PDB file of N, CA and C in Angstrom:
ATOM      1  N   UNK A   1     -53.906 172.163  58.496  1.00  0.00           N
ATOM      2  CA  UNK A   1     -55.000 173.091  58.548  1.00  0.00           C
ATOM      3  C   UNK A   1     -54.708 174.261  57.620  1.00  0.00           C
ATOM      4  N   UNK A   2     -55.711 174.741  56.951  1.00  0.00           N
ATOM      5  CA  UNK A   2     -55.557 175.844  56.012  1.00  0.00           C
ATOM      6  C   UNK A   2     -55.249 177.134  56.758  1.00  0.00           C
ATOM      7  N   UNK A   3     -54.469 177.960  56.150  1.00  0.00           N
ATOM      8  CA  UNK A   3     -54.114 179.244  56.728  1.00  0.00           C
ATOM      9  C   UNK A   3     -55.164 180.267  56.331  1.00  0.00           C
ATOM     10  N   UNK A   4     -55.368 181.263  57.200  1.00  0.00           N
ATOM     11  CA  UNK A   4     -56.307 182.333  56.883  1.00  0.00           C
ATOM     12  C   UNK A   4     -55.746 183.205  55.776  1.00  0.00           C
ATOM     13  N   UNK A   5     -56.638 183.762  54.933  1.00  0.00           N
ATOM     14  CA  UNK A   5     -56.167 184.709  53.918  1.00  0.00           C
ATOM     15  C   UNK A   5     -55.526 185.920  54.593  1.00  0.00           C
ATOM     16  N   UNK A   6     -54.563 186.513  53.923  1.00  0.00           N
ATOM     17  CA  UNK A   6     -53.935 187.706  54.462  1.00  0.00           C
ATOM     18  C   UNK A   6     -53.797 188.731  53.353  1.00  0.00           C
ATOM     19  N   UNK A   7     -53.438 189.910  53.742  1.00  0.00           N
ATOM     20  CA  UNK A   7     -53.223 190.936  52.731  1.00  0.00           C
ATOM     21  C   UNK A   7     -51.981 190.602  51.928  1.00  0.00           C
ATOM     22  N   UNK A   8     -51.984 191.085  50.712  1.00  0.00           N
ATOM     23  CA  UNK A   8     -50.830 190.883  49.854  1.00  0.00           C
ATOM     24  C   UNK A   8     -51.288 190.819  48.422  1.00  0.00           C
ATOM     25  N   UNK A   9     -50.357 190.962  47.508  1.00  0.00           N
ATOM     26  CA  UNK A   9     -50.721 190.944  46.096  1.00  0.00           C
ATOM     27  C   UNK A   9     -51.186 189.556  45.654  1.00  0.00           C
ATOM     28  N   UNK A  10     -52.111 189.554  44.725  1.00  0.00           N
ATOM     29  CA  UNK A  10     -52.622 188.300  44.160  1.00  0.00           C
ATOM     30  C   UNK A  10     -53.035 188.604  42.728  1.00  0.00           C
ATOM     31  N   UNK A  11     -52.534 187.823  41.804  1.00  0.00           N
ATOM     32  CA  UNK A  11     -52.809 188.076  40.388  1.00  0.00           C
ATOM     33  C   UNK A  11     -52.953 186.760  39.639  1.00  0.00           C
ATOM     34  N   UNK A  12     -53.887 186.749  38.683  1.00  0.00           N
ATOM     35  CA  UNK A  12     -54.100 185.607  37.798  1.00  0.00           C
ATOM     36  C   UNK A  12     -53.862 186.056  36.364  1.00  0.00           C
ATOM     37  N   UNK A  13     -53.239 185.180  35.588  1.00  0.00           N
ATOM     38  CA  UNK A  13     -53.082 185.462  34.157  1.00  0.00           C
ATOM     39  C   UNK A  13     -53.347 184.161  33.402  1.00  0.00           C
ATOM     40  N   UNK A  14     -54.378 184.173  32.576  1.00  0.00           N
ATOM     41  CA  UNK A  14     -54.742 182.990  31.814  1.00  0.00           C
ATOM     42  C   UNK A  14     -54.462 183.252  30.343  1.00  0.00           C
ATOM     43  N   UNK A  15     -53.652 182.393  29.740  1.00  0.00           N
ATOM     44  CA  UNK A  15     -53.276 182.538  28.338  1.00  0.00           C
ATOM     45  C   UNK A  15     -53.942 181.429  27.517  1.00  0.00           C
ATOM     46  N   UNK A  16     -54.893 181.818  26.671  1.00  0.00           N
ATOM     47  CA  UNK A  16     -55.553 180.897  25.742  1.00  0.00           C
ATOM     48  C   UNK A  16     -56.151 179.672  26.419  1.00  0.00           C
ATOM     49  N   UNK A  17     -56.577 179.816  27.658  1.00  0.00           N
ATOM     50  CA  UNK A  17     -57.139 178.719  28.453  1.00  0.00           C
ATOM     51  C   UNK A  17     -56.175 177.545  28.585  1.00  0.00           C
ATOM     52  N   UNK A  18     -54.901 177.744  28.279  1.00  0.00           N
ATOM     53  CA  UNK A  18     -53.934 176.651  28.281  1.00  0.00           C
ATOM     54  C   UNK A  18     -52.841 176.811  29.331  1.00  0.00           C
ATOM     55  N   UNK A  19     -52.589 178.020  29.798  1.00  0.00           N
ATOM     56  CA  UNK A  19     -51.549 178.243  30.815  1.00  0.00           C
ATOM     57  C   UNK A  19     -52.040 179.316  31.781  1.00  0.00           C
ATOM     58  N   UNK A  20     -52.078 178.936  33.039  1.00  0.00           N
ATOM     59  CA  UNK A  20     -52.518 179.852  34.089  1.00  0.00           C
ATOM     60  C   UNK A  20     -51.348 180.147  35.007  1.00  0.00           C
ATOM     61  N   UNK A  21     -51.058 181.428  35.188  1.00  0.00           N
ATOM     62  CA  UNK A  21     -50.025 181.859  36.131  1.00  0.00           C
ATOM     63  C   UNK A  21     -50.718 182.531  37.301  1.00  0.00           C
ATOM     64  N   UNK A  22     -50.330 182.147  38.504  1.00  0.00           N
ATOM     65  CA  UNK A  22     -50.949 182.689  39.716  1.00  0.00           C
ATOM     66  C   UNK A  22     -49.843 183.134  40.649  1.00  0.00           C
ATOM     67  N   UNK A  23     -49.974 184.338  41.217  1.00  0.00           N
ATOM     68  CA  UNK A  23     -49.069 184.726  42.285  1.00  0.00           C
ATOM     69  C   UNK A  23     -49.887 185.067  43.522  1.00  0.00           C
ATOM     70  N   UNK A  24     -49.227 185.145  44.653  1.00  0.00           N
ATOM     71  CA  UNK A  24     -49.931 185.317  45.922  1.00  0.00           C
ATOM     72  C   UNK A  24     -50.386 183.978  46.493  1.00  0.00           C
ATOM     73  N   UNK A  25     -49.719 182.894  46.083  1.00  0.00           N
ATOM     74  CA  UNK A  25     -50.075 181.552  46.558  1.00  0.00           C
ATOM     75  C   UNK A  25     -49.341 181.264  47.863  1.00  0.00           C
ATOM     76  N   UNK A  26     -50.085 180.792  48.856  1.00  0.00           N
ATOM     77  CA  UNK A  26     -49.499 180.458  50.157  1.00  0.00           C
ATOM     78  C   UNK A  26     -49.328 178.956  50.334  1.00  0.00           C
ATOM     79  N   UNK A  27     -50.199 178.168  49.672  1.00  0.00           N
ATOM     80  CA  UNK A  27     -50.157 176.713  49.868  1.00  0.00           C
ATOM     81  C   UNK A  27     -50.880 176.028  48.717  1.00  0.00           C
ATOM     82  N   UNK A  28     -50.361 174.888  48.293  1.00  0.00           N
ATOM     83  CA  UNK A  28     -51.067 174.033  47.337  1.00  0.00           C
ATOM     84  C   UNK A  28     -51.728 172.940  48.163  1.00  0.00           C
ATOM     85  N   UNK A  29     -53.059 172.967  48.221  1.00  0.00           N
ATOM     86  CA  UNK A  29     -53.780 171.976  49.023  1.00  0.00           C
ATOM     87  C   UNK A  29     -53.838 170.632  48.309  1.00  0.00           C
ATOM     88  N   UNK A  30     -54.180 170.663  47.012  1.00  0.00           N
ATOM     89  CA  UNK A  30     -54.252 169.412  46.252  1.00  0.00           C
ATOM     90  C   UNK A  30     -54.181 169.723  44.769  1.00  0.00           C
ATOM     91  N   UNK A  31     -53.819 168.695  43.998  1.00  0.00           N
ATOM     92  CA  UNK A  31     -53.831 168.841  42.551  1.00  0.00           C
ATOM     93  C   UNK A  31     -53.901 167.463  41.911  1.00  0.00           C
ATOM     94  N   UNK A  32     -54.605 167.413  40.799  1.00  0.00           N
ATOM     95  CA  UNK A  32     -54.628 166.240  39.932  1.00  0.00           C
ATOM     96  C   UNK A  32     -54.939 166.740  38.533  1.00  0.00           C
ATOM     97  N   UNK A  33     -55.220 165.844  37.600  1.00  0.00           N
ATOM     98  CA  UNK A  33     -55.420 166.274  36.208  1.00  0.00           C
ATOM     99  C   UNK A  33     -56.719 167.031  35.980  1.00  0.00           C
ATOM    100  N   UNK A  34     -57.655 167.017  36.961  1.00  0.00           N
ATOM    101  CA  UNK A  34     -58.941 167.688  36.781  1.00  0.00           C
ATOM    102  C   UNK A  34     -59.159 168.877  37.700  1.00  0.00           C
ATOM    103  N   UNK A  35     -58.340 169.026  38.745  1.00  0.00           N
ATOM    104  CA  UNK A  35     -58.526 170.180  39.630  1.00  0.00           C
ATOM    105  C   UNK A  35     -57.234 170.510  40.383  1.00  0.00           C
ATOM    106  N   UNK A  36     -57.118 171.786  40.711  1.00  0.00           N
ATOM    107  CA  UNK A  36     -56.009 172.291  41.521  1.00  0.00           C
ATOM    108  C   UNK A  36     -56.625 173.205  42.567  1.00  0.00           C
ATOM    109  N   UNK A  37     -56.255 173.002  43.836  1.00  0.00           N
ATOM    110  CA  UNK A  37     -56.781 173.831  44.918  1.00  0.00           C
ATOM    111  C   UNK A  37     -55.611 174.571  45.552  1.00  0.00           C
ATOM    112  N   UNK A  38     -55.681 175.910  45.500  1.00  0.00           N
ATOM    113  CA  UNK A  38     -54.609 176.768  46.003  1.00  0.00           C
ATOM    114  C   UNK A  38     -55.135 177.682  47.099  1.00  0.00           C
ATOM    115  N   UNK A  39     -54.372 177.836  48.165  1.00  0.00           N
ATOM    116  CA  UNK A  39     -54.673 178.839  49.183  1.00  0.00           C
ATOM    117  C   UNK A  39     -53.879 180.077  48.797  1.00  0.00           C
ATOM    118  N   UNK A  40     -54.585 181.163  48.535  1.00  0.00           N
ATOM    119  CA  UNK A  40     -53.941 182.404  48.110  1.00  0.00           C
ATOM    120  C   UNK A  40     -54.129 183.475  49.177  1.00  0.00           C
ATOM    121  N   UNK A  41     -53.511 184.610  48.952  1.00  0.00           N
ATOM    122  CA  UNK A  41     -53.653 185.725  49.888  1.00  0.00           C
ATOM    123  C   UNK A  41     -55.062 186.300  49.875  1.00  0.00           C
ATOM    124  N   UNK A  42     -55.879 185.906  48.907  1.00  0.00           N
ATOM    125  CA  UNK A  42     -57.254 186.416  48.812  1.00  0.00           C
ATOM    126  C   UNK A  42     -58.297 185.322  48.977  1.00  0.00           C
ATOM    127  N   UNK A  43     -57.890 184.127  49.384  1.00  0.00           N
ATOM    128  CA  UNK A  43     -58.836 183.044  49.624  1.00  0.00           C
ATOM    129  C   UNK A  43     -58.434 181.777  48.888  1.00  0.00           C
ATOM    130  N   UNK A  44     -59.311 180.775  48.975  1.00  0.00           N
ATOM    131  CA  UNK A  44     -59.049 179.477  48.357  1.00  0.00           C
ATOM    132  C   UNK A  44     -59.511 179.521  46.901  1.00  0.00           C
ATOM    133  N   UNK A  45     -58.588 179.249  45.994  1.00  0.00           N
ATOM    134  CA  UNK A  45     -58.866 179.266  44.558  1.00  0.00           C
ATOM    135  C   UNK A  45     -58.927 177.826  44.058  1.00  0.00           C
ATOM    136  N   UNK A  46     -60.046 177.484  43.403  1.00  0.00           N
ATOM    137  CA  UNK A  46     -60.221 176.150  42.829  1.00  0.00           C
ATOM    138  C   UNK A  46     -60.193 176.290  41.302  1.00  0.00           C
ATOM    139  N   UNK A  47     -59.299 175.544  40.676  1.00  0.00           N
ATOM    140  CA  UNK A  47     -59.155 175.552  39.216  1.00  0.00           C
ATOM    141  C   UNK A  47     -59.600 174.190  38.721  1.00  0.00           C
ATOM    142  N   UNK A  48     -60.510 174.180  37.759  1.00  0.00           N
ATOM    143  CA  UNK A  48     -60.997 172.916  37.202  1.00  0.00           C
ATOM    144  C   UNK A  48     -60.682 172.887  35.716  1.00  0.00           C
ATOM    145  N   UNK A  49     -60.377 171.685  35.215  1.00  0.00           N
ATOM    146  CA  UNK A  49     -60.066 171.567  33.799  1.00  0.00           C
ATOM    147  C   UNK A  49     -59.709 170.145  33.424  1.00  0.00           C
ATOM    148  N   UNK A  50     -58.912 170.035  32.380  1.00  0.00           N
ATOM    149  CA  UNK A  50     -58.519 168.741  31.849  1.00  0.00           C
ATOM    150  C   UNK A  50     -57.006 168.726  31.647  1.00  0.00           C
ATOM    151  N   UNK A  51     -56.405 167.612  31.981  1.00  0.00           N
ATOM    152  CA  UNK A  51     -54.961 167.422  31.808  1.00  0.00           C
ATOM    153  C   UNK A  51     -54.152 168.547  32.467  1.00  0.00           C
ATOM    154  N   UNK A  52     -54.542 168.913  33.684  1.00  0.00           N
ATOM    155  CA  UNK A  52     -53.859 169.978  34.411  1.00  0.00           C
ATOM    156  C   UNK A  52     -52.567 169.451  35.029  1.00  0.00           C
ATOM    157  N   UNK A  53     -51.511 170.248  34.907  1.00  0.00           N
ATOM    158  CA  UNK A  53     -50.208 169.895  35.457  1.00  0.00           C
ATOM    159  C   UNK A  53     -49.572 171.134  36.060  1.00  0.00           C
ATOM    160  N   UNK A  54     -48.963 170.988  37.238  1.00  0.00           N
ATOM    161  CA  UNK A  54     -48.203 172.091  37.829  1.00  0.00           C
ATOM    162  C   UNK A  54     -46.860 172.162  37.123  1.00  0.00           C
ATOM    163  N   UNK A  55     -46.580 173.269  36.470  1.00  0.00           N
ATOM    164  CA  UNK A  55     -45.329 173.444  35.751  1.00  0.00           C
ATOM    165  C   UNK A  55     -44.316 174.224  36.565  1.00  0.00           C
ATOM    166  N   UNK A  56     -44.799 175.184  37.341  1.00  0.00           N
ATOM    167  CA  UNK A  56     -43.934 175.988  38.188  1.00  0.00           C
ATOM    168  C   UNK A  56     -44.534 175.998  39.573  1.00  0.00           C
ATOM    169  N   UNK A  57     -43.710 175.752  40.560  1.00  0.00           N
ATOM    170  CA  UNK A  57     -44.168 175.793  41.938  1.00  0.00           C
ATOM    171  C   UNK A  57     -43.091 176.455  42.773  1.00  0.00           C
ATOM    172  N   UNK A  58     -43.380 177.666  43.241  1.00  0.00           N
ATOM    173  CA  UNK A  58     -42.452 178.397  44.090  1.00  0.00           C
ATOM    174  C   UNK A  58     -43.263 179.012  45.225  1.00  0.00           C
ATOM    175  N   UNK A  59     -43.477 178.223  46.265  1.00  0.00           N
ATOM    176  CA  UNK A  59     -44.257 178.718  47.391  1.00  0.00           C
ATOM    177  C   UNK A  59     -43.531 179.862  48.089  1.00  0.00           C
ATOM    178  N   UNK A  60     -42.203 179.769  48.178  1.00  0.00           N
ATOM    179  CA  UNK A  60     -41.438 180.865  48.782  1.00  0.00           C
ATOM    180  C   UNK A  60     -41.688 182.163  48.027  1.00  0.00           C
ATOM    181  N   UNK A  61     -41.797 182.083  46.707  1.00  0.00           N
ATOM    182  CA  UNK A  61     -42.075 183.251  45.882  1.00  0.00           C
ATOM    183  C   UNK A  61     -43.554 183.473  45.662  1.00  0.00           C
ATOM    184  N   UNK A  62     -44.392 182.515  46.108  1.00  0.00           N
ATOM    185  CA  UNK A  62     -45.837 182.647  45.977  1.00  0.00           C
ATOM    186  C   UNK A  62     -46.338 182.490  44.556  1.00  0.00           C
ATOM    187  N   UNK A  63     -45.612 181.735  43.721  1.00  0.00           N
ATOM    188  CA  UNK A  63     -45.978 181.609  42.309  1.00  0.00           C
ATOM    189  C   UNK A  63     -46.260 180.155  41.933  1.00  0.00           C
ATOM    190  N   UNK A  64     -47.308 179.982  41.134  1.00  0.00           N
ATOM    191  CA  UNK A  64     -47.667 178.672  40.591  1.00  0.00           C
ATOM    192  C   UNK A  64     -48.065 178.867  39.134  1.00  0.00           C
ATOM    193  N   UNK A  65     -47.638 177.948  38.270  1.00  0.00           N
ATOM    194  CA  UNK A  65     -48.082 177.940  36.875  1.00  0.00           C
ATOM    195  C   UNK A  65     -48.724 176.582  36.608  1.00  0.00           C
ATOM    196  N   UNK A  66     -49.885 176.613  35.965  1.00  0.00           N
ATOM    197  CA  UNK A  66     -50.633 175.403  35.654  1.00  0.00           C
ATOM    198  C   UNK A  66     -50.815 175.332  34.146  1.00  0.00           C
ATOM    199  N   UNK A  67     -50.449 174.201  33.559  1.00  0.00           N
ATOM    200  CA  UNK A  67     -50.680 173.961  32.132  1.00  0.00           C
ATOM    201  C   UNK A  67     -51.808 172.947  31.981  1.00  0.00           C
ATOM    202  N   UNK A  68     -52.531 173.024  30.874  1.00  0.00           N
ATOM    203  CA  UNK A  68     -53.652 172.138  30.590  1.00  0.00           C
ATOM    204  C   UNK A  68     -54.808 172.974  30.083  1.00  0.00           C
ATOM    205  N   UNK A  69     -55.977 172.373  29.974  1.00  0.00           N
ATOM    206  CA  UNK A  69     -57.167 173.113  29.544  1.00  0.00           C
ATOM    207  C   UNK A  69     -57.939 173.572  30.769  1.00  0.00           C
ATOM    208  N   UNK A  70     -58.007 174.881  30.989  1.00  0.00           N
ATOM    209  CA  UNK A  70     -58.719 175.444  32.136  1.00  0.00           C
ATOM    210  C   UNK A  70     -60.177 175.655  31.741  1.00  0.00           C
ATOM    211  N   UNK A  71     -61.077 174.983  32.477  1.00  0.00           N
ATOM    212  CA  UNK A  71     -62.519 175.111  32.222  1.00  0.00           C
ATOM    213  C   UNK A  71     -63.192 176.110  33.155  1.00  0.00           C
ATOM    214  N   UNK A  72     -62.701 176.215  34.401  1.00  0.00           N
ATOM    215  CA  UNK A  72     -63.351 177.103  35.371  1.00  0.00           C
ATOM    216  C   UNK A  72     -62.382 177.446  36.495  1.00  0.00           C
ATOM    217  N   UNK A  73     -62.598 178.629  37.078  1.00  0.00           N
ATOM    218  CA  UNK A  73     -61.861 179.062  38.266  1.00  0.00           C
ATOM    219  C   UNK A  73     -62.869 179.693  39.203  1.00  0.00           C
ATOM    220  N   UNK A  74     -62.756 179.390  40.490  1.00  0.00           N
ATOM    221  CA  UNK A  74     -63.657 180.008  41.459  1.00  0.00           C
ATOM    222  C   UNK A  74     -62.982 180.083  42.818  1.00  0.00           C
ATOM    223  N   UNK A  75     -63.449 181.041  43.618  1.00  0.00           N
ATOM    224  CA  UNK A  75     -62.963 181.184  44.986  1.00  0.00           C
ATOM    225  C   UNK A  75     -64.012 180.586  45.907  1.00  0.00           C
ATOM    226  N   UNK A  76     -63.551 179.796  46.883  1.00  0.00           N
ATOM    227  CA  UNK A  76     -64.455 179.212  47.861  1.00  0.00           C
ATOM    228  C   UNK A  76     -64.538 180.119  49.065  1.00  0.00           C
ATOM    229  N   UNK A  77     -65.733 180.176  49.634  1.00  0.00           N
ATOM    230  CA  UNK A  77     -65.917 180.925  50.881  1.00  0.00           C
ATOM    231  C   UNK A  77     -65.214 180.172  51.994  1.00  0.00           C
ATOM    232  N   UNK A  78     -64.500 180.899  52.842  1.00  0.00           N
ATOM    233  CA  UNK A  78     -63.790 180.288  53.953  1.00  0.00           C
ATOM    234  C   UNK A  78     -64.580 180.575  55.218  1.00  0.00           C
ATOM    235  N   UNK A  79     -64.900 179.531  55.961  1.00  0.00           N
ATOM    236  CA  UNK A  79     -65.655 179.679  57.213  1.00  0.00           C
ATOM    237  C   UNK A  79     -64.731 179.413  58.386  1.00  0.00           C
ATOM    238  N   UNK A  80     -64.719 180.353  59.319  1.00  0.00           N
ATOM    239  CA  UNK A  80     -63.906 180.192  60.516  1.00  0.00           C
ATOM    240  C   UNK A  80     -64.786 180.027  61.752  1.00  0.00           C
ATOM    241  N   UNK A  81     -66.054 179.651  61.556  1.00  0.00           N
ATOM    242  CA  UNK A  81     -66.977 179.508  62.679  1.00  0.00           C
ATOM    243  C   UNK A  81     -66.521 178.415  63.634  1.00  0.00           C
ATOM    244  N   UNK A  82     -65.813 177.409  63.135  1.00  0.00           N
ATOM    245  CA  UNK A  82     -65.346 176.325  63.995  1.00  0.00           C
ATOM    246  C   UNK A  82     -64.267 176.785  64.976  1.00  0.00           C
ATOM    247  N   UNK A  83     -63.714 177.976  64.756  1.00  0.00           N
ATOM    248  CA  UNK A  83     -62.669 178.493  65.636  1.00  0.00           C
ATOM    249  C   UNK A  83     -63.241 179.281  66.817  1.00  0.00           C
ATOM    250  N   UNK A  84     -64.534 179.576  66.783  1.00  0.00           N
ATOM    251  CA  UNK A  84     -65.147 180.349  67.861  1.00  0.00           C
ATOM    252  C   UNK A  84     -65.274 179.491  69.112  1.00  0.00           C
ATOM    253  N   UNK A  85     -65.045 180.112  70.262  1.00  0.00           N
ATOM    254  CA  UNK A  85     -65.141 179.373  71.542  1.00  0.00           C
ATOM    255  C   UNK A  85     -66.544 179.376  72.067  1.00  0.00           C
TER     256      UNK A  85
END
């Protein structure tokens, strides 16, 4: 189950659409050559592109680096309505 977002630093750095560095990562939900889904301290981040590869993965340090062609990045809305009694 996905963890709720929490406070904490979160930063993105995209270099020439070819290398994306992300910090504040809590969990890698999924990844393949066309998408990477990360749970960050500020919500779920979806990265879409071509030939995407995880180059650095340090969940303890909250850092992920993705190489490939980045076409889009977006945050998904997180719904916790299913947790209500």
